[in-house]
C-alpha cells in the first residue's frame, strides 16, 4: 500500500531508539507497528465513547422514570427481596420435610 500521508512526530531519543530496537528484533517495519498502535488506539477510544453514550442514555432514561414516579426506593427493593428470600426458604423447608 503506497504511503498517502507523512506523519512526523517528536520523540525523546531514548524512546525512539528503544522502539526501533524492538521492532527490529521482531523483524517488522516501524511504520507498520505505529499504524497498528494507532488503529488500536482509535478502536479503544471509539468503544469507550460508545459505552459512555450507552451509559448516558441509561442514566437519562432512569432519571426520566424517577421524575415520572416510576421507581422504587432502595428500602422498597430490599423489603421485596427479603420477602422473596423468606418465601424461598419456606418452600425449601417444606420440600425437605
Protein backbone atom coordinates (compact mmCIF):
# COMPACT_ATOMS: atom_id res chain seq x y z
CA UNK A 1 0.00 0.00 0.00
CA UNK A 2 1.63 3.28 -1.06
CA UNK A 3 2.07 5.96 1.56
CA UNK A 4 -0.66 8.58 1.35
CA UNK A 5 0.45 10.86 4.14
CA UNK A 6 3.58 11.52 6.11
CA UNK A 7 3.31 11.72 9.89
CA UNK A 8 6.15 13.49 11.67
CA UNK A 9 6.44 13.46 15.43
CA UNK A 10 8.92 14.48 18.07
CA UNK A 11 10.17 11.80 20.45
CA UNK A 12 12.75 11.52 23.13
CA UNK A 13 15.84 9.96 21.55
CA UNK A 14 15.86 7.10 24.06
CA UNK A 15 12.20 6.25 23.34
CA UNK A 16 12.83 6.26 19.59
CA UNK A 17 15.98 4.15 19.89
CA UNK A 18 14.31 1.60 22.15
CA UNK A 19 11.26 1.40 19.89
CA UNK A 20 13.41 0.96 16.79
CA UNK A 21 15.43 -1.78 18.50
CA UNK A 22 12.24 -3.63 19.49
CA UNK A 23 10.66 -3.52 16.04
CA UNK A 24 14.00 -4.61 14.52
CA UNK A 25 14.10 -7.54 16.97
CA UNK A 26 10.61 -8.50 15.75
CA UNK A 27 11.75 -8.01 12.14
CA UNK A 28 8.88 -5.63 11.49
CA UNK A 29 8.82 -2.17 9.94
CA UNK A 30 8.37 0.61 12.48
CA UNK A 31 5.69 2.24 10.32
CA UNK A 32 3.62 -0.96 10.39
CA UNK A 33 3.81 -1.15 14.19
CA UNK A 34 2.89 2.53 14.52
CA UNK A 35 -0.12 2.03 12.22
CA UNK A 36 -1.25 -0.92 14.35
CA UNK A 37 -0.86 1.12 17.53
CA UNK A 38 -2.86 3.95 16.01
CA UNK A 39 -5.65 1.61 14.91
CA UNK A 40 -5.78 0.01 18.36
CA UNK A 41 -5.93 3.43 20.00
CA UNK A 42 -8.73 4.58 17.67
CA UNK A 43 -10.69 1.38 18.31
CA UNK A 44 -10.36 1.69 22.12
CA UNK A 45 -11.42 5.34 22.05
CA UNK A 46 -14.44 4.60 19.83
CA UNK A 47 -15.52 1.73 22.11
CA UNK A 48 -15.12 3.94 25.17
CA UNK A 49 -17.16 6.70 23.54
CA UNK A 50 -19.89 4.23 22.55
CA UNK A 51 -20.03 2.89 26.10
CA UNK A 52 -20.19 6.41 27.51
CA UNK A 53 -23.09 7.21 25.17
CA UNK A 54 -24.86 3.97 26.15
CA UNK A 55 -24.40 4.70 29.84
CA UNK A 56 -25.55 8.30 29.42
CA UNK A 57 -28.76 7.08 27.70
CA UNK A 58 -29.41 4.59 30.50
CA UNK A 59 -28.92 7.26 33.17
CA UNK A 60 -31.17 9.71 31.29
CA UNK A 61 -33.87 7.04 30.99
CA UNK A 62 -33.61 6.21 34.70
CA UNK A 63 -33.87 9.89 35.58
CA UNK A 64 -36.98 10.22 33.41
CA UNK A 65 -38.53 7.25 35.19
CA UNK A 66 -37.63 8.72 38.57
CA UNK A 67 -39.10 12.09 37.63
CA UNK A 68 -42.29 10.37 36.42
CA UNK A 69 -42.61 8.49 39.71
CA UNK A 70 -41.87 5.15 38.07
CA UNK A 71 -39.24 3.98 40.52
CA UNK A 72 -38.76 2.15 43.79
CA UNK A 73 -36.65 3.27 46.70
CA UNK A 74 -33.76 1.14 47.89
CA UNK A 75 -35.77 0.32 51.01
CA UNK A 76 -38.68 -0.94 48.91
CA UNK A 77 -36.40 -3.11 46.79
CA UNK A 78 -34.67 -4.55 49.87
CA UNK A 79 -38.02 -5.28 51.53
CA UNK A 80 -39.27 -7.08 48.40
CA UNK A 81 -36.06 -9.11 48.20
CA UNK A 82 -36.33 -10.06 51.88
CA UNK A 83 -39.90 -11.26 51.34
CA UNK A 84 -38.83 -13.34 48.34
CA UNK A 85 -35.93 -14.87 50.28
CA UNK A 86 -38.23 -15.74 53.16
CA UNK A 87 -40.72 -17.36 50.75
CA UNK A 88 -37.99 -19.38 49.05
CA UNK A 89 -36.63 -20.54 52.39
CA UNK A 90 -40.15 -21.52 53.50
CA UNK A 91 -40.66 -23.55 50.31
CA UNK A 92 -37.25 -25.20 50.70
CA UNK A 93 -38.13 -26.18 54.27
CA UNK A 94 -41.48 -27.63 53.16
CA UNK A 95 -39.85 -29.58 50.33
CA UNK A 96 -37.26 -31.00 52.70
CA UNK A 97 -39.85 -32.45 55.11
